[in-house]
Amino acid sequence: MKKITGIAITAWLLALSHALPVSASGDMCTVSMDQWQPRETLQAELEAKGWRIKKIESDDGCYEVYAITENGKRVEAYFNPKTFDLVKSKED
């Protein structure tokens, strides 16, 4: 019985460790709404860097941006709404 319990705990910890990165953007974007900068300001900053913005929405307390980067790559990027720091991104 002890071996089964140990295996169950190990499996649970392994599953938990894989679930944590999914919520990473929420952990990084814990800014109250009154401190958020306007999304238009973020869009202007990104466009000044050469990004073509398709859509900006809110997700897990972050700004979620769908865009084409200055290098022509499609990207889904998450930004802190107070500082506009990049929290995470993935390119297609």
N, C-alpha and C. Protein backbone atom coordinates (compact mmCIF):
# COMPACT_ATOMS: atom_id res chain seq x y z
N MET A 1 0.81 -1.20 0.00
CA MET A 1 0.00 0.00 0.00
C MET A 1 0.86 1.26 0.00
N LYS A 2 1.99 1.24 0.72
CA LYS A 2 2.86 2.40 0.76
C LYS A 2 3.41 2.73 -0.62
N LYS A 3 3.72 1.68 -1.40
CA LYS A 3 4.27 1.91 -2.74
C LYS A 3 3.23 2.58 -3.64
N ILE A 4 1.98 2.17 -3.56
CA ILE A 4 0.93 2.77 -4.37
C ILE A 4 0.73 4.23 -3.96
N THR A 5 0.75 4.50 -2.68
CA THR A 5 0.59 5.87 -2.20
C THR A 5 1.74 6.74 -2.70
N GLY A 6 2.97 6.23 -2.63
CA GLY A 6 4.13 6.97 -3.12
C GLY A 6 4.02 7.26 -4.60
N ILE A 7 3.55 6.29 -5.37
CA ILE A 7 3.37 6.48 -6.81
C ILE A 7 2.29 7.52 -7.07
N ALA A 8 1.21 7.46 -6.32
CA ALA A 8 0.12 8.42 -6.49
C ALA A 8 0.59 9.84 -6.17
N ILE A 9 1.37 10.00 -5.11
CA ILE A 9 1.87 11.32 -4.74
C ILE A 9 2.84 11.83 -5.81
N THR A 10 3.70 10.96 -6.30
CA THR A 10 4.64 11.35 -7.35
C THR A 10 3.90 11.79 -8.60
N ALA A 11 2.88 11.03 -8.98
CA ALA A 11 2.08 11.37 -10.17
C ALA A 11 1.37 12.70 -9.97
N TRP A 12 0.85 12.93 -8.78
CA TRP A 12 0.16 14.19 -8.48
C TRP A 12 1.13 15.37 -8.56
N LEU A 13 2.32 15.22 -7.98
CA LEU A 13 3.32 16.29 -8.03
C LEU A 13 3.77 16.57 -9.46
N LEU A 14 3.93 15.52 -10.24
CA LEU A 14 4.32 15.69 -11.64
C LEU A 14 3.23 16.43 -12.41
N ALA A 15 1.99 16.07 -12.19
CA ALA A 15 0.88 16.76 -12.86
C ALA A 15 0.81 18.21 -12.42
N LEU A 16 1.02 18.47 -11.16
CA LEU A 16 0.99 19.84 -10.65
C LEU A 16 2.11 20.68 -11.25
N SER A 17 3.29 20.10 -11.39
CA SER A 17 4.41 20.86 -11.94
C SER A 17 4.17 21.23 -13.39
N HIS A 18 3.43 20.41 -14.13
CA HIS A 18 3.11 20.73 -15.53
C HIS A 18 1.99 21.76 -15.61
N ALA A 19 1.16 21.86 -14.60
CA ALA A 19 0.06 22.81 -14.62
C ALA A 19 0.51 24.22 -14.27
N LEU A 20 1.58 24.37 -13.53
CA LEU A 20 2.02 25.68 -13.08
C LEU A 20 2.38 26.64 -14.20
N PRO A 21 3.12 26.24 -15.23
CA PRO A 21 3.46 27.21 -16.28
C PRO A 21 2.25 27.79 -17.00
N VAL A 22 1.15 27.07 -17.03
CA VAL A 22 -0.04 27.55 -17.70
C VAL A 22 -0.55 28.81 -17.03
N SER A 23 -0.42 28.91 -15.71
CA SER A 23 -0.93 30.08 -15.00
C SER A 23 0.14 31.14 -14.79
N ALA A 24 1.26 31.01 -15.45
CA ALA A 24 2.36 31.95 -15.23
C ALA A 24 1.97 33.37 -15.58
N SER A 25 1.18 33.56 -16.63
CA SER A 25 0.81 34.92 -16.98
C SER A 25 -0.06 35.55 -15.90
N GLY A 26 -0.95 34.77 -15.30
CA GLY A 26 -1.78 35.28 -14.22
C GLY A 26 -0.97 35.68 -13.01
N ASP A 27 0.08 34.93 -12.72
CA ASP A 27 0.93 35.26 -11.59
C ASP A 27 1.72 36.54 -11.84
N MET A 28 2.04 36.83 -13.08
CA MET A 28 2.85 38.00 -13.42
C MET A 28 2.00 39.26 -13.56
N CYS A 29 0.73 39.11 -13.81
CA CYS A 29 -0.14 40.26 -14.08
C CYS A 29 -1.18 40.41 -12.98
N THR A 30 -0.73 40.76 -11.82
CA THR A 30 -1.64 40.93 -10.69
C THR A 30 -1.75 42.41 -10.35
N VAL A 31 -2.11 43.20 -11.34
CA VAL A 31 -2.21 44.65 -11.20
C VAL A 31 -3.68 45.01 -11.11
N SER A 32 -4.04 45.87 -10.17
CA SER A 32 -5.43 46.29 -10.07
C SER A 32 -5.79 47.14 -11.29
N MET A 33 -7.04 47.05 -11.69
CA MET A 33 -7.51 47.69 -12.93
C MET A 33 -7.25 49.20 -12.95
N ASP A 34 -7.25 49.85 -11.80
CA ASP A 34 -7.03 51.30 -11.78
C ASP A 34 -5.59 51.67 -12.14
N GLN A 35 -4.69 50.68 -12.19
CA GLN A 35 -3.29 50.93 -12.54
C GLN A 35 -2.98 50.56 -13.99
N TRP A 36 -3.95 50.01 -14.70
CA TRP A 36 -3.73 49.61 -16.09
C TRP A 36 -3.56 50.84 -16.97
N GLN A 37 -2.61 50.76 -17.88
CA GLN A 37 -2.48 51.78 -18.92
C GLN A 37 -3.44 51.41 -20.06
N PRO A 38 -3.85 52.38 -20.84
CA PRO A 38 -4.77 52.08 -21.95
C PRO A 38 -4.13 51.15 -22.99
N ARG A 39 -4.95 50.27 -23.54
CA ARG A 39 -4.44 49.34 -24.55
C ARG A 39 -3.98 50.08 -25.80
N GLU A 40 -4.54 51.26 -26.05
CA GLU A 40 -4.11 52.06 -27.20
C GLU A 40 -2.64 52.50 -27.05
N THR A 41 -2.23 52.73 -25.80
CA THR A 41 -0.84 53.11 -25.55
C THR A 41 0.09 51.94 -25.85
N LEU A 42 -0.31 50.74 -25.43
CA LEU A 42 0.48 49.53 -25.75
C LEU A 42 0.54 49.34 -27.26
N GLN A 43 -0.59 49.49 -27.92
CA GLN A 43 -0.61 49.32 -29.37
C GLN A 43 0.33 50.32 -30.04
N ALA A 44 0.31 51.56 -29.61
CA ALA A 44 1.18 52.58 -30.20
C ALA A 44 2.66 52.23 -29.99
N GLU A 45 3.00 51.75 -28.80
CA GLU A 45 4.39 51.37 -28.51
C GLU A 45 4.84 50.22 -29.40
N LEU A 46 3.97 49.21 -29.55
CA LEU A 46 4.34 48.05 -30.37
C LEU A 46 4.42 48.42 -31.85
N GLU A 47 3.50 49.25 -32.30
CA GLU A 47 3.54 49.68 -33.70
C GLU A 47 4.79 50.52 -33.98
N ALA A 48 5.24 51.28 -33.00
CA ALA A 48 6.48 52.06 -33.17
C ALA A 48 7.69 51.14 -33.33
N LYS A 49 7.58 49.91 -32.81
CA LYS A 49 8.66 48.92 -32.96
C LYS A 49 8.52 48.13 -34.25
N GLY A 50 7.45 48.41 -35.02
CA GLY A 50 7.27 47.71 -36.28
C GLY A 50 6.27 46.58 -36.25
N TRP A 51 5.57 46.39 -35.13
CA TRP A 51 4.56 45.33 -35.05
C TRP A 51 3.29 45.77 -35.76
N ARG A 52 2.60 44.82 -36.39
CA ARG A 52 1.26 45.05 -36.94
C ARG A 52 0.28 44.33 -36.03
N ILE A 53 -0.55 45.09 -35.34
CA ILE A 53 -1.46 44.54 -34.33
C ILE A 53 -2.74 44.05 -34.99
N LYS A 54 -3.10 42.80 -34.68
CA LYS A 54 -4.36 42.25 -35.15
C LYS A 54 -5.46 42.45 -34.11
N LYS A 55 -5.10 42.16 -32.83
CA LYS A 55 -6.10 42.24 -31.77
C LYS A 55 -5.39 42.34 -30.42
N ILE A 56 -5.98 43.12 -29.51
CA ILE A 56 -5.52 43.18 -28.12
C ILE A 56 -6.74 42.93 -27.24
N GLU A 57 -6.60 41.97 -26.34
CA GLU A 57 -7.67 41.68 -25.38
C GLU A 57 -7.06 41.41 -24.02
N SER A 58 -7.89 41.26 -23.02
CA SER A 58 -7.44 40.98 -21.67
C SER A 58 -7.58 39.48 -21.39
N ASP A 59 -6.56 38.90 -20.75
CA ASP A 59 -6.59 37.49 -20.40
C ASP A 59 -5.73 37.27 -19.17
N ASP A 60 -6.28 36.67 -18.13
CA ASP A 60 -5.55 36.37 -16.90
C ASP A 60 -4.87 37.60 -16.31
N GLY A 61 -5.51 38.76 -16.44
CA GLY A 61 -4.94 39.97 -15.87
C GLY A 61 -3.87 40.62 -16.72
N CYS A 62 -3.60 40.07 -17.90
CA CYS A 62 -2.59 40.62 -18.81
C CYS A 62 -3.28 41.13 -20.07
N TYR A 63 -2.55 41.94 -20.82
CA TYR A 63 -2.98 42.24 -22.18
C TYR A 63 -2.45 41.13 -23.07
N GLU A 64 -3.35 40.53 -23.84
CA GLU A 64 -2.99 39.47 -24.78
C GLU A 64 -3.01 40.09 -26.17
N VAL A 65 -1.87 40.05 -26.85
CA VAL A 65 -1.73 40.71 -28.15
C VAL A 65 -1.49 39.66 -29.22
N TYR A 66 -2.29 39.76 -30.28
CA TYR A 66 -2.08 38.95 -31.48
C TYR A 66 -1.55 39.91 -32.54
N ALA A 67 -0.38 39.59 -33.07
CA ALA A 67 0.27 40.54 -33.97
C ALA A 67 1.25 39.85 -34.90
N ILE A 68 1.77 40.65 -35.82
CA ILE A 68 2.89 40.27 -36.68
C ILE A 68 4.06 41.12 -36.21
N THR A 69 5.17 40.49 -35.86
CA THR A 69 6.32 41.23 -35.34
C THR A 69 7.04 41.96 -36.47
N GLU A 70 8.02 42.76 -36.08
CA GLU A 70 8.82 43.49 -37.06
C GLU A 70 9.59 42.54 -37.98
N ASN A 71 9.75 41.28 -37.56
CA ASN A 71 10.44 40.26 -38.36
C ASN A 71 9.47 39.46 -39.23
N GLY A 72 8.17 39.83 -39.20
CA GLY A 72 7.18 39.14 -40.02
C GLY A 72 6.64 37.86 -39.42
N LYS A 73 6.89 37.61 -38.14
CA LYS A 73 6.40 36.39 -37.49
C LYS A 73 5.11 36.68 -36.73
N ARG A 74 4.16 35.73 -36.85
CA ARG A 74 2.93 35.85 -36.07
C ARG A 74 3.25 35.52 -34.62
N VAL A 75 2.67 36.30 -33.71
CA VAL A 75 2.97 36.12 -32.30
C VAL A 75 1.71 36.32 -31.46
N GLU A 76 1.64 35.55 -30.38
CA GLU A 76 0.66 35.76 -29.33
C GLU A 76 1.49 36.13 -28.11
N ALA A 77 1.35 37.35 -27.63
CA ALA A 77 2.20 37.85 -26.56
C ALA A 77 1.36 38.41 -25.42
N TYR A 78 1.85 38.21 -24.20
CA TYR A 78 1.17 38.70 -23.01
C TYR A 78 2.03 39.78 -22.36
N PHE A 79 1.39 40.91 -22.04
CA PHE A 79 2.09 42.05 -21.46
C PHE A 79 1.46 42.45 -20.14
N ASN A 80 2.30 42.86 -19.19
CA ASN A 80 1.83 43.41 -17.93
C ASN A 80 1.11 44.72 -18.26
N PRO A 81 -0.13 44.91 -17.82
CA PRO A 81 -0.89 46.10 -18.21
C PRO A 81 -0.43 47.40 -17.55
N LYS A 82 0.37 47.32 -16.51
CA LYS A 82 0.88 48.52 -15.85
C LYS A 82 2.21 48.96 -16.46
N THR A 83 3.11 48.01 -16.69
CA THR A 83 4.48 48.32 -17.13
C THR A 83 4.71 48.03 -18.62
N PHE A 84 3.82 47.27 -19.23
CA PHE A 84 3.97 46.79 -20.60
C PHE A 84 5.17 45.86 -20.76
N ASP A 85 5.67 45.30 -19.65
CA ASP A 85 6.72 44.28 -19.74
C ASP A 85 6.14 43.04 -20.38
N LEU A 86 6.92 42.40 -21.25
CA LEU A 86 6.50 41.15 -21.88
C LEU A 86 6.53 40.06 -20.83
N VAL A 87 5.42 39.37 -20.65
CA VAL A 87 5.32 38.30 -19.67
C VAL A 87 5.65 36.96 -20.31
N LYS A 88 5.06 36.70 -21.46
CA LYS A 88 5.37 35.49 -22.22
C LYS A 88 4.87 35.67 -23.63
N SER A 89 5.41 34.87 -24.53
CA SER A 89 4.97 34.93 -25.92
C SER A 89 5.23 33.60 -26.60
N LYS A 90 4.50 33.42 -27.68
CA LYS A 90 4.76 32.25 -28.54
C LYS A 90 4.55 32.66 -29.97
N GLU A 91 5.47 32.23 -30.81
CA GLU A 91 5.41 32.55 -32.23
C GLU A 91 4.91 31.35 -32.99
N ASP A 92 4.22 31.62 -34.09
CA ASP A 92 3.78 30.55 -34.98
C ASP A 92 4.86 30.23 -35.96
